[in-house]
Amino acid sequence: MNMELEALEAKIEGVVALVHQLRAENEVLRNQIAAAEAERLQLRQKMTVARERLELLMGKLPEDVIDER
């Protein structure tokens, strides 16, 4: 009976250790997702600025240059 309890205790300790490890990994992954989302937002903003600048430049081109495309 004592051996069985010790074996059960060892298994429980293993499960607890695994839970702690998975929680730590989960936190790392959540931080990576947050960083990736922030980078995505920053890149979308840069793309918007670039598109607006291109549209402004295209608006300044003479009509005959635009028609040749």
C-alpha atoms as a PDB file:
ATOM      1  CA  MET A   1       0.000   0.000   0.000  1.00  0.00           C
ATOM      2  CA  ASN A   2       2.814   2.394   0.883  1.00  0.00           C
ATOM      3  CA  MET A   3       4.553   1.695  -2.455  1.00  0.00           C
ATOM      4  CA  GLU A   4       1.327   2.436  -4.323  1.00  0.00           C
ATOM      5  CA  LEU A   5       0.933   5.760  -2.515  1.00  0.00           C
ATOM      6  CA  GLU A   6       4.516   6.694  -3.291  1.00  0.00           C
ATOM      7  CA  ALA A   7       4.021   5.824  -6.940  1.00  0.00           C
ATOM      8  CA  LEU A   8       0.828   7.896  -7.029  1.00  0.00           C
ATOM      9  CA  GLU A   9       2.597  10.793  -5.328  1.00  0.00           C
ATOM     10  CA  ALA A  10       5.394  10.649  -7.912  1.00  0.00           C
ATOM     11  CA  LYS A  11       2.852  10.688 -10.747  1.00  0.00           C
ATOM     12  CA  ILE A  12       1.034  13.657  -9.208  1.00  0.00           C
ATOM     13  CA  GLU A  13       4.315  15.534  -8.829  1.00  0.00           C
ATOM     14  CA  GLY A  14       5.062  14.814 -12.467  1.00  0.00           C
ATOM     15  CA  VAL A  15       1.673  16.136 -13.543  1.00  0.00           C
ATOM     16  CA  VAL A  16       2.103  19.273 -11.421  1.00  0.00           C
ATOM     17  CA  ALA A  17       5.545  19.871 -12.955  1.00  0.00           C
ATOM     18  CA  LEU A  18       4.099  19.416 -16.437  1.00  0.00           C
ATOM     19  CA  VAL A  19       1.289  21.874 -15.686  1.00  0.00           C
ATOM     20  CA  HIS A  20       3.822  24.477 -14.543  1.00  0.00           C
ATOM     21  CA  GLN A  21       5.926  23.906 -17.654  1.00  0.00           C
ATOM     22  CA  LEU A  22       2.912  24.215 -19.950  1.00  0.00           C
ATOM     23  CA  ARG A  23       1.766  27.394 -18.209  1.00  0.00           C
ATOM     24  CA  ALA A  24       5.210  28.923 -18.701  1.00  0.00           C
ATOM     25  CA  GLU A  25       5.241  27.910 -22.380  1.00  0.00           C
ATOM     26  CA  ASN A  26       1.739  29.303 -22.785  1.00  0.00           C
ATOM     27  CA  GLU A  27       2.853  32.636 -21.356  1.00  0.00           C
ATOM     28  CA  VAL A  28       5.779  32.756 -23.785  1.00  0.00           C
ATOM     29  CA  LEU A  29       3.456  31.996 -26.691  1.00  0.00           C
ATOM     30  CA  ARG A  30       0.982  34.663 -25.594  1.00  0.00           C
ATOM     31  CA  ASN A  31       3.812  37.204 -25.477  1.00  0.00           C
ATOM     32  CA  GLN A  32       4.971  36.155 -28.944  1.00  0.00           C
ATOM     33  CA  ILE A  33       1.442  36.538 -30.296  1.00  0.00           C
ATOM     34  CA  ALA A  34       1.122  39.996 -28.752  1.00  0.00           C
ATOM     35  CA  ALA A  35       4.454  41.055 -30.276  1.00  0.00           C
ATOM     36  CA  ALA A  36       3.486  39.674 -33.688  1.00  0.00           C
ATOM     37  CA  GLU A  37       0.133  41.483 -33.576  1.00  0.00           C
ATOM     38  CA  ALA A  38       1.851  44.754 -32.638  1.00  0.00           C
ATOM     39  CA  GLU A  39       4.305  44.301 -35.516  1.00  0.00           C
ATOM     40  CA  ARG A  40       1.442  43.519 -37.911  1.00  0.00           C
ATOM     41  CA  LEU A  41      -0.353  46.703 -36.871  1.00  0.00           C
ATOM     42  CA  GLN A  42       2.816  48.746 -37.337  1.00  0.00           C
ATOM     43  CA  LEU A  43       3.377  47.259 -40.802  1.00  0.00           C
ATOM     44  CA  ARG A  44      -0.233  47.963 -41.802  1.00  0.00           C
ATOM     45  CA  GLN A  45       0.216  51.579 -40.742  1.00  0.00           C
ATOM     46  CA  LYS A  46       3.414  51.856 -42.784  1.00  0.00           C
ATOM     47  CA  MET A  47       1.622  50.374 -45.794  1.00  0.00           C
ATOM     48  CA  THR A  48      -1.198  52.877 -45.413  1.00  0.00           C
ATOM     49  CA  VAL A  49       1.267  55.780 -45.289  1.00  0.00           C
ATOM     50  CA  ALA A  50       3.127  54.434 -48.337  1.00  0.00           C
ATOM     51  CA  ARG A  51      -0.134  53.980 -50.285  1.00  0.00           C
ATOM     52  CA  GLU A  52      -1.225  57.522 -49.436  1.00  0.00           C
ATOM     53  CA  ARG A  53       2.151  58.894 -50.552  1.00  0.00           C
ATOM     54  CA  LEU A  54       1.956  56.959 -53.817  1.00  0.00           C
ATOM     55  CA  GLU A  55      -1.571  58.194 -54.472  1.00  0.00           C
ATOM     56  CA  LEU A  56      -0.417  61.758 -53.807  1.00  0.00           C
ATOM     57  CA  LEU A  57       2.517  61.365 -56.196  1.00  0.00           C
ATOM     58  CA  MET A  58       0.305  59.805 -58.852  1.00  0.00           C
ATOM     59  CA  GLY A  59      -2.042  62.754 -58.515  1.00  0.00           C
ATOM     60  CA  LYS A  60       0.839  65.078 -59.339  1.00  0.00           C
ATOM     61  CA  LEU A  61       1.805  63.232 -62.540  1.00  0.00           C
ATOM     62  CA  PRO A  62       0.731  64.782 -65.826  1.00  0.00           C
ATOM     63  CA  GLU A  63      -2.275  63.107 -67.441  1.00  0.00           C
ATOM     64  CA  ASP A  64      -0.320  61.900 -70.485  1.00  0.00           C
ATOM     65  CA  VAL A  65       2.074  59.905 -68.254  1.00  0.00           C
ATOM     66  CA  ILE A  66      -0.857  58.207 -66.514  1.00  0.00           C
ATOM     67  CA  ASP A  67      -2.589  57.404 -69.831  1.00  0.00           C
ATOM     68  CA  GLU A  68       0.506  55.605 -71.165  1.00  0.00           C
ATOM     69  CA  ARG A  69       0.109  52.864 -68.528  1.00  0.00           C
END
